[in-house]
Structures are given as structure tokens and as C-alpha cells.
């Protein structure tokens, strides 16, 4: 599949000043394709109080280093949207990141 979009995987590191400080975030750009969440997965996730909204498909698992936050700007968006990774899936040809909309403090 063609990776015709970009997203930013955000690595979080503990703040240097103290335990109650906000972690520092370091975004890293990767190429991806954006897909809808499959219907059956969407409804099964709702049963577990998860709200999957989007799937980012990366070329290879080596591009993913365990980040929990993804930033992405859709065609009609004016700013980057923030997503939280709720599940990963390694297929034979790609790595899928199933994500839900995240709040700023997520």
C-alpha cells in the first residue's frame, strides 16, 4: 500500500525538573496511510469503553518505537489532531496503529 500521508509519533520523556512536571514530547515524522476503523472492531472496542477513531498504517514495525501519542493533520483540519494508540497490529506487510482521539493531557 502507498504511504501517502505523514503523521508524527510522539516520544515522551520524563521532565527533568520534577515528578509533577509535564513530560517532554519529541515528535518524529513517519510516512503512513490513514484508514477507517473496521466496523466490527469499532463495536467490539465500544464494549470495552474504548473509542477507536482512526488507523495509521506504517510501512514496517521498525518505524514504531512504542510511542503512545500520534499527531496528524487531516485535509480539512487547521491544526494537528492528537490521538492515543490503543492497539497495534503487525501484519505481514505493515504495522497498524489503532487510535482514539486524545485530550491534551492524555
Protein backbone atom coordinates (compact mmCIF):
# COMPACT_ATOMS: atom_id res chain seq x y z
CA UNK A 1 0.00 0.00 0.00
CA UNK A 2 1.20 3.51 -0.78
CA UNK A 3 2.08 5.64 2.23
CA UNK A 4 0.72 8.97 1.01
CA UNK A 5 0.38 10.84 4.30
CA UNK A 6 2.53 11.75 7.26
CA UNK A 7 1.96 11.55 10.99
CA UNK A 8 4.13 12.31 13.97
CA UNK A 9 4.90 9.67 16.59
CA UNK A 10 5.47 11.41 19.90
CA UNK A 11 8.05 10.04 22.32
CA UNK A 12 7.59 11.18 25.90
CA UNK A 13 10.48 11.57 28.30
CA UNK A 14 10.21 12.39 31.99
CA UNK A 15 10.58 16.07 32.78
CA UNK A 16 13.99 16.97 34.14
CA UNK A 17 12.67 19.28 36.85
CA UNK A 18 10.41 17.11 38.94
CA UNK A 19 7.86 14.35 39.26
CA UNK A 20 4.84 16.62 38.79
CA UNK A 21 6.08 18.36 35.65
CA UNK A 22 4.64 17.60 32.23
CA UNK A 23 6.78 15.09 30.28
CA UNK A 24 8.77 16.47 27.39
CA UNK A 25 7.48 15.39 23.99
CA UNK A 26 9.63 14.72 20.94
CA UNK A 27 7.66 14.23 17.69
CA UNK A 28 9.14 12.15 14.87
CA UNK A 29 7.69 12.23 11.34
CA UNK A 30 6.86 8.93 9.63
CA UNK A 31 5.06 8.15 6.40
CA UNK A 32 1.74 6.37 6.76
CA UNK A 33 -1.58 5.66 5.17
CA UNK A 34 -4.76 6.57 7.02
CA UNK A 35 -7.69 4.19 7.23
CA UNK A 36 -11.05 3.97 8.91
CA UNK A 37 -11.59 1.66 11.83
CA UNK A 38 -13.34 -1.51 10.71
CA UNK A 39 -16.94 -1.77 11.82
CA UNK A 40 -16.60 -4.97 13.84
CA UNK A 41 -13.52 -3.69 15.65
CA UNK A 42 -15.27 -0.40 16.41
CA UNK A 43 -18.24 -2.06 18.10
CA UNK A 44 -16.11 -4.57 20.00
CA UNK A 45 -13.96 -1.74 21.31
CA UNK A 46 -17.01 0.18 22.50
CA UNK A 47 -17.93 -2.79 24.68
CA UNK A 48 -14.62 -2.21 26.48
CA UNK A 49 -15.16 1.56 26.75
CA UNK A 50 -12.61 2.34 24.03
CA UNK A 51 -13.41 4.70 21.17
CA UNK A 52 -11.24 3.89 18.13
CA UNK A 53 -11.39 6.68 15.58
CA UNK A 54 -8.63 6.09 13.04
CA UNK A 55 -5.97 3.61 11.91
CA UNK A 56 -2.48 4.69 10.87
CA UNK A 57 -0.66 2.09 8.81
CA UNK A 58 3.14 2.25 8.86
CA UNK A 59 5.38 0.53 6.38
CA UNK A 60 7.21 -1.57 8.96
CA UNK A 61 7.27 -2.27 12.68
CA UNK A 62 10.80 -0.89 12.89
CA UNK A 63 9.36 2.62 12.45
CA UNK A 64 7.37 2.27 15.68
CA UNK A 65 9.21 2.53 18.98
CA UNK A 66 6.33 2.17 21.43
CA UNK A 67 5.04 5.73 21.25
CA UNK A 68 1.58 6.23 22.77
CA UNK A 69 0.71 9.55 21.07
CA UNK A 70 0.24 10.26 17.35
CA UNK A 71 -0.21 13.71 15.83
CA UNK A 72 -1.89 14.05 12.44
CA UNK A 73 -3.41 16.84 10.36
CA UNK A 74 -6.21 15.77 8.07
CA UNK A 75 -7.06 17.52 4.83
CA UNK A 76 -9.85 19.59 6.38
CA UNK A 77 -8.11 20.23 9.71
CA UNK A 78 -6.50 23.54 10.55
CA UNK A 79 -4.21 22.11 13.23
CA UNK A 80 -2.63 18.83 14.25
CA UNK A 81 -5.03 16.46 15.96
CA UNK A 82 -3.86 14.33 18.86
CA UNK A 83 -4.55 10.59 19.05
CA UNK A 84 -3.75 7.94 21.65
CA UNK A 85 -2.63 4.49 20.48
CA UNK A 86 -4.98 1.87 21.91
CA UNK A 87 -3.76 -1.14 19.94
CA UNK A 88 -1.10 -2.18 17.46
CA UNK A 89 -1.34 -4.95 14.92
CA UNK A 90 1.57 -6.38 12.98
CA UNK A 91 0.53 -7.84 9.65
CA UNK A 92 2.81 -9.43 7.11
CA UNK A 93 3.18 -6.17 5.19
CA UNK A 94 2.67 -3.33 7.69
CA UNK A 95 2.08 -2.19 11.25
CA UNK A 96 -1.32 -0.76 12.15
CA UNK A 97 -1.81 1.73 14.97
CA UNK A 98 -5.45 1.83 16.07
CA UNK A 99 -6.02 5.17 17.79
CA UNK A 100 -8.65 7.19 19.58
CA UNK A 101 -8.93 10.98 19.91
CA UNK A 102 -6.88 12.13 22.87
CA UNK A 103 -7.16 15.06 25.16
CA UNK A 104 -4.17 17.33 25.62
CA UNK A 105 -3.26 15.69 28.94
CA UNK A 106 -3.51 12.11 27.60
